[in-house]
Protein backbone atom coordinates (compact mmCIF):
# COMPACT_ATOMS: atom_id res chain seq x y z
CA UNK A 1 0.00 0.00 0.00
CA UNK A 2 1.50 3.32 -1.07
CA UNK A 3 1.36 6.51 0.97
CA UNK A 4 -1.25 7.99 -1.34
CA UNK A 5 -3.57 5.00 -0.92
CA UNK A 6 -3.29 4.81 2.86
CA UNK A 7 -5.93 6.52 4.94
CA UNK A 8 -4.70 9.86 6.23
CA UNK A 9 -5.79 10.44 9.81
CA UNK A 10 -6.15 13.29 12.26
CA UNK A 11 -6.56 12.15 15.85
CA UNK A 12 -8.93 14.29 17.92
CA UNK A 13 -9.08 14.07 21.71
CA UNK A 14 -11.88 15.85 23.58
CA UNK A 15 -11.79 16.23 27.33
CA UNK A 16 -11.46 18.43 30.38
CA UNK A 17 -7.64 18.34 30.39
CA UNK A 18 -7.86 19.65 33.92
CA UNK A 19 -4.88 19.61 33.75
CA UNK A 20 -3.44 17.87 30.70
CA UNK A 21 -1.07 15.08 31.75
CA UNK A 22 1.91 13.30 30.29
CA UNK A 23 -0.39 10.33 29.84
CA UNK A 24 -2.68 12.30 27.53
CA UNK A 25 0.26 13.07 25.24
CA UNK A 26 1.44 9.45 25.43
CA UNK A 27 -1.99 8.34 24.21
CA UNK A 28 -1.48 10.34 21.02
CA UNK A 29 1.99 8.89 20.50
CA UNK A 30 0.91 5.31 21.13
CA UNK A 31 -2.12 5.64 18.87
CA UNK A 32 -0.03 7.07 16.05
CA UNK A 33 2.61 4.34 16.39
CA UNK A 34 -0.04 1.63 16.36
CA UNK A 35 -1.91 3.01 13.35
CA UNK A 36 1.32 3.34 11.40
CA UNK A 37 2.27 -0.26 12.22
CA UNK A 38 -0.99 -1.53 10.74
CA UNK A 39 0.22 -0.31 7.35
CA UNK A 40 -3.21 1.17 6.59
CA UNK A 41 -2.92 4.65 8.04
CA UNK A 42 -0.76 7.75 8.04
CA UNK A 43 -1.37 10.03 11.02
CA UNK A 44 -0.75 13.59 9.90
CA UNK A 45 -1.90 15.46 12.98
CA UNK A 46 -3.36 15.41 16.45
CA UNK A 47 -5.82 17.87 17.98
CA UNK A 48 -6.38 18.50 21.68
CA UNK A 49 -9.82 20.07 22.21
CA UNK A 50 -10.48 21.17 25.80
CA UNK A 51 -14.10 21.23 26.94
CA UNK A 52 -16.13 24.43 27.38
CA UNK A 53 -16.26 26.02 30.83
CA UNK A 54 -20.01 25.39 31.08
CA UNK A 55 -19.43 21.63 31.12
CA UNK A 56 -19.95 22.02 34.85
CA UNK A 57 -17.46 19.48 36.15
CA UNK A 58 -16.47 20.08 39.76
CA UNK A 59 -13.06 21.68 40.07
CA UNK A 60 -12.86 22.59 36.38
CA UNK A 61 -10.60 25.63 36.06
CA UNK A 62 -11.16 28.30 33.44
CA UNK A 63 -10.51 27.36 29.84
CA UNK A 64 -8.10 30.29 29.76
CA UNK A 65 -5.81 28.32 32.04
CA UNK A 66 -6.50 24.93 30.49
CA UNK A 67 -5.69 26.18 27.00
CA UNK A 68 -2.37 27.56 28.19
CA UNK A 69 -1.51 24.31 29.98
CA UNK A 70 -2.39 22.26 26.91
CA UNK A 71 -0.28 24.54 24.76
CA UNK A 72 2.67 24.14 27.13
CA UNK A 73 2.23 20.37 27.13
CA UNK A 74 2.47 20.08 23.33
CA UNK A 75 4.99 22.85 22.70
CA UNK A 76 7.70 20.37 21.75
CA UNK A 77 5.49 18.25 19.51
CA UNK A 78 5.67 18.73 15.77
CA UNK A 79 2.27 17.13 15.13
CA UNK A 80 -0.03 17.58 18.15
CA UNK A 81 -1.82 20.91 18.42
CA UNK A 82 -4.36 22.62 20.67
CA UNK A 83 -7.61 23.92 19.21
CA UNK A 84 -9.65 26.45 21.22
CA UNK A 85 -12.83 26.33 19.11
CA UNK A 86 -14.77 24.27 21.63
CA UNK A 87 -13.83 26.61 24.49
CA UNK A 88 -14.75 29.71 22.49
CA UNK A 89 -18.34 28.69 21.77
CA UNK A 90 -21.27 30.23 23.64
CA UNK A 91 -21.95 27.02 25.50
CA UNK A 92 -20.86 23.41 25.96
CA UNK A 93 -20.55 21.36 22.78
CA UNK A 94 -21.14 17.63 22.42
CA UNK A 95 -18.27 15.43 21.29
CA UNK A 96 -20.27 14.73 18.16
CA UNK A 97 -20.56 18.44 17.31
CA UNK A 98 -16.82 18.95 17.85
CA UNK A 99 -16.00 16.10 15.47
CA UNK A 100 -18.45 17.46 12.89
CA UNK A 101 -16.94 20.95 13.18
CA UNK A 102 -13.45 19.71 12.44
CA UNK A 103 -14.67 17.45 9.65
CA UNK A 104 -16.47 20.33 7.94
CA UNK A 105 -13.54 22.66 8.46
CA UNK A 106 -11.13 20.13 6.97
CA UNK A 107 -13.39 19.68 3.97
CA UNK A 108 -13.35 23.39 3.26
CA UNK A 109 -9.66 23.93 3.87
CA UNK A 110 -8.10 20.83 2.33
CA UNK A 111 -10.75 19.71 -0.14
CA UNK A 112 -10.24 16.15 1.06
CA UNK A 113 -12.93 13.50 1.26
CA UNK A 114 -13.90 12.70 4.81
CA UNK A 115 -16.10 9.65 5.24
CA UNK A 116 -16.78 6.55 7.28
CA UNK A 117 -13.59 4.91 8.45
CA UNK A 118 -14.45 1.63 6.73
CA UNK A 119 -16.28 2.86 3.65
CA UNK A 120 -13.70 4.69 1.52
CA UNK A 121 -15.14 6.85 -1.21
CA UNK A 122 -13.94 6.50 -4.79
CA UNK A 123 -14.92 10.06 -5.69
CA UNK A 124 -11.98 12.25 -6.74
CA UNK A 125 -11.38 15.11 -4.37
CA UNK A 126 -11.47 18.61 -5.75
CA UNK A 127 -9.79 21.31 -3.74
CA UNK A 128 -11.28 24.34 -5.50
CA UNK A 129 -14.47 23.37 -7.32
CA UNK A 130 -15.33 27.01 -8.05
CA UNK A 131 -12.32 27.52 -10.33
CA UNK A 132 -12.70 26.85 -14.01
CA UNK A 133 -9.07 25.88 -14.37
CA UNK A 134 -9.06 22.10 -14.77
CA UNK A 135 -5.34 21.71 -14.00
CA UNK A 136 -4.27 20.77 -10.48
CA UNK A 137 -3.44 23.88 -8.50
CA UNK A 138 -0.38 24.08 -6.29
CA UNK A 139 1.21 26.94 -4.45
CA UNK A 140 4.34 26.42 -6.52
CA UNK A 141 3.48 26.33 -10.21
CA UNK A 142 6.82 24.74 -11.08
CA UNK A 143 6.13 21.46 -9.32
CA UNK A 144 4.84 18.37 -11.05
CA UNK A 145 1.05 18.22 -11.41
CA UNK A 146 0.95 14.63 -10.20
CA UNK A 147 0.03 14.44 -6.52
CA UNK A 148 2.67 12.67 -4.47
CA UNK A 149 2.71 11.57 -0.86
CA UNK A 150 5.11 14.37 0.01
CA UNK A 151 2.90 17.02 -1.58
CA UNK A 152 -0.24 15.64 0.01
CA UNK A 153 1.22 15.37 3.49
CA UNK A 154 2.89 18.74 3.19
CA UNK A 155 -0.21 20.58 2.09
CA UNK A 156 -2.61 18.89 4.49
CA UNK A 157 -0.11 19.36 7.29
CA UNK A 158 0.18 23.02 6.37
CA UNK A 159 -3.59 23.41 6.41
CA UNK A 160 -3.81 21.69 9.79
CA UNK A 161 -1.15 24.04 11.08
CA UNK A 162 -3.10 27.05 9.91
CA UNK A 163 -6.26 25.82 11.56
CA UNK A 164 -5.01 24.85 14.99
CA UNK A 165 -1.25 24.93 15.03
CA UNK A 166 -0.46 28.65 14.95
CA UNK A 167 1.40 28.98 18.20
CA UNK A 168 0.37 32.17 19.99
CA UNK A 169 2.07 33.49 23.11
CA UNK A 170 0.77 31.53 26.06
CA UNK A 171 -0.90 34.66 27.43
CA UNK A 172 -3.15 35.02 24.39
CA UNK A 173 -4.95 32.51 22.19
CA UNK A 174 -6.14 33.11 18.67
CA UNK A 175 -7.55 30.78 16.10
CA UNK A 176 -8.31 30.91 12.40
CA UNK A 177 -11.93 31.56 11.56
CA UNK A 178 -13.39 28.80 9.43
CA UNK A 179 -14.55 31.40 6.91
CA UNK A 180 -11.13 32.96 6.55
CA UNK A 181 -9.26 32.93 3.25
CA UNK A 182 -6.52 30.37 3.78
CA UNK A 183 -4.92 30.82 0.38
CA UNK A 184 -4.46 28.48 -2.55
CA UNK A 185 -5.76 25.00 -1.99
CA UNK A 186 -4.17 22.05 -3.71
CA UNK A 187 -6.35 19.65 -5.64
CA UNK A 188 -6.00 16.09 -4.51
CA UNK A 189 -6.77 12.88 -6.31
CA UNK A 190 -7.77 9.68 -4.59
CA UNK A 191 -6.80 10.65 -1.09
CA UNK A 192 -9.00 10.50 1.97
CA UNK A 193 -8.59 12.30 5.25
CA UNK A 194 -10.40 11.04 8.31
CA UNK A 195 -10.82 12.44 11.78
CA UNK A 196 -10.84 9.72 14.44
CA UNK A 197 -11.80 10.23 18.06
CA UNK A 198 -8.93 9.30 20.36
CA UNK A 199 -9.97 8.10 23.80
CA UNK A 200 -9.19 5.80 26.67
CA UNK A 201 -11.13 2.67 27.50
CA UNK A 202 -12.92 4.60 30.26
CA UNK A 203 -14.69 6.75 27.67
CA UNK A 204 -15.51 3.66 25.66
CA UNK A 205 -17.01 2.11 28.77
CA UNK A 206 -19.11 5.24 29.34
CA UNK A 207 -20.91 4.47 26.07
CA UNK A 208 -22.43 1.49 27.86
CA UNK A 209 -24.03 3.57 30.64
CA UNK A 210 -27.75 3.91 29.83
CA UNK A 211 -28.83 7.49 29.18
CA UNK A 212 -25.37 9.02 29.45
CA UNK A 213 -24.86 9.43 25.70
CA UNK A 214 -27.37 10.42 23.06
CA UNK A 215 -27.74 7.33 20.88
CA UNK A 216 -27.90 9.37 17.66
CA UNK A 217 -24.58 10.99 18.62
CA UNK A 218 -23.07 7.58 19.33
CA UNK A 219 -24.12 6.40 15.88
CA UNK A 220 -22.32 9.36 14.31
CA UNK A 221 -19.22 9.16 16.52
CA UNK A 222 -18.65 5.43 16.06
CA UNK A 223 -20.35 4.86 12.72
CA UNK A 224 -19.33 7.92 10.72
CA UNK A 225 -16.02 8.83 12.30
CA UNK A 226 -14.54 5.90 14.18
CA UNK A 227 -12.62 5.60 17.44
CA UNK A 228 -9.05 4.80 18.41
CA UNK A 229 -8.97 3.40 21.94
CA UNK A 230 -5.89 3.30 24.15
CA UNK A 231 -6.72 0.75 26.88
CA UNK A 232 -5.96 1.65 30.46
CA UNK A 233 -5.20 -0.69 33.34
CA UNK A 234 -5.43 -3.73 31.03
CA UNK A 235 -9.11 -3.04 30.38
CA UNK A 236 -11.03 -5.73 28.51
CA UNK A 237 -12.24 -3.72 25.52
CA UNK A 238 -13.98 -6.70 23.93
CA UNK A 239 -16.10 -7.14 27.04
CA UNK A 240 -16.89 -3.41 27.05
CA UNK A 241 -17.96 -3.41 23.41
CA UNK A 242 -20.20 -6.44 23.91
CA UNK A 243 -22.23 -4.44 26.45
CA UNK A 244 -23.42 -1.92 23.85
CA UNK A 245 -25.47 -2.70 20.77
CA UNK A 246 -24.06 0.34 18.96
CA UNK A 247 -20.47 -0.59 19.78
CA UNK A 248 -21.14 -4.14 18.59
CA UNK A 249 -22.74 -2.82 15.40
CA UNK A 250 -19.71 -0.68 14.54
CA UNK A 251 -17.04 -2.87 16.07
CA UNK A 252 -14.95 -2.66 12.90
CA UNK A 253 -14.81 1.12 13.31
CA UNK A 254 -13.21 0.80 16.73
CA UNK A 255 -9.46 0.36 16.67
CA UNK A 256 -7.90 -0.75 19.93
CA UNK A 257 -4.23 0.07 20.36
CA UNK A 258 -2.37 -3.15 21.04
CA UNK A 259 1.21 -2.84 22.17
CA UNK A 260 3.46 -4.06 24.96
CA UNK A 261 2.94 -1.00 27.13
CA UNK A 262 0.69 -1.21 30.16
CA UNK A 263 -1.04 2.13 30.51
CA UNK A 264 -1.82 2.67 34.21
CA UNK A 265 -4.72 5.03 34.86
CA UNK A 266 -2.59 7.10 37.24
CA UNK A 267 -0.36 8.27 34.40
CA UNK A 268 -3.34 9.72 32.54
CA UNK A 269 -5.57 10.72 35.44
CA UNK A 270 -5.95 14.47 35.89
CA UNK A 271 -7.62 13.74 39.24
CA UNK A 272 -4.51 12.03 40.62
CA UNK A 273 -2.31 14.85 39.38
CA UNK A 274 -4.51 17.40 41.19
CA UNK A 275 -4.37 15.37 44.38
CA UNK A 276 -0.60 15.22 44.12
CA UNK A 277 -0.48 19.00 43.76
CA UNK A 278 -2.74 19.54 46.76
CA UNK A 279 -0.64 17.23 48.93
CA UNK A 280 2.69 18.59 47.77
CA UNK A 281 3.55 15.14 46.44
CA UNK A 282 6.85 15.14 44.56
CA UNK A 283 5.49 12.39 42.30
CA UNK A 284 3.48 15.05 40.49
CA UNK A 285 6.39 15.08 38.03
CA UNK A 286 5.28 11.59 36.99
CA UNK A 287 1.95 13.00 35.86
CA UNK A 288 2.67 16.48 34.54
CA UNK A 289 5.39 18.04 32.41
CA UNK A 290 7.53 20.65 34.11
CA UNK A 291 6.21 23.63 32.10
CA UNK A 292 2.67 22.67 33.13
CA UNK A 293 3.70 22.33 36.78
CA UNK A 294 5.43 25.72 36.67
CA UNK A 295 2.32 27.36 35.21
CA UNK A 296 0.06 25.74 37.82
CA UNK A 297 2.25 26.93 40.67
CA UNK A 298 2.58 30.42 39.21
CA UNK A 299 -1.19 30.69 38.75
CA UNK A 300 -2.00 28.97 42.07
CA UNK A 301 -4.28 26.42 40.43
CA UNK A 302 -5.70 23.30 42.10
CA UNK A 303 -3.86 23.97 45.35
CA UNK A 304 -7.07 24.32 47.35
CA UNK A 305 -9.38 22.67 44.85
CA UNK A 306 -11.30 19.52 45.60
CA UNK A 307 -11.72 16.49 43.35
């Protein structure tokens, strides 16, 4: 399978990130490594989307702080970015609506086909359908008109950067409006870009709790997008999926990361990191990166918080 025929993937993680932990970043890395090893996917980006302040979770600090901490946590990554769209809305957004926002935005910016993870479309992708020029359009007119893996990855990566990778100073966050003119768009042929929800097995298990999730949203999340699950504490994901009719129905759209790494919940848990901060536990460095710790101490976050 060539690079141009592999499925190009953006991993999207939604959550409180209160605060973002080393484990959250490791989930991205493990998921990317696993998808690459399957030989079917090329991961071209990762998006961290912190939840809106009105989510109402006890002890949730302002998105202003959480966005900064997320930015600090990914500052050394060349592929994981923080997107503030969810935080900047008027109210809390469902996971389904966040996925749909990024899918629609990617369609407009890259011109790529985004479809069900297991039903690839054979329709050619047109980057600028409004232009009469039938020749492929590139930013550099001297390059070959034949799309190559390097051109595709470069252009899509550039578009992803413009959407959610522009690194502002940590004191101020800006993002590109989806209606903005992002410049010349390259026309692609026979390439698909998919956004997959990245989550831990605890979120997967929450799908099985009656009434917690809107079933129509679950159908879209699992059926139209697909999920990449990083198991925690040796969770039995097969058992979890068998407890939900929707998860069973779309089992082929759920990719479980299988590697030799045991992923203890404590490494990912924001709750444990907050407790460590409150108790002055030196092991907080096991949970949080130093720039995040420094920001928390400077801003006096979580010190007297509960939960």
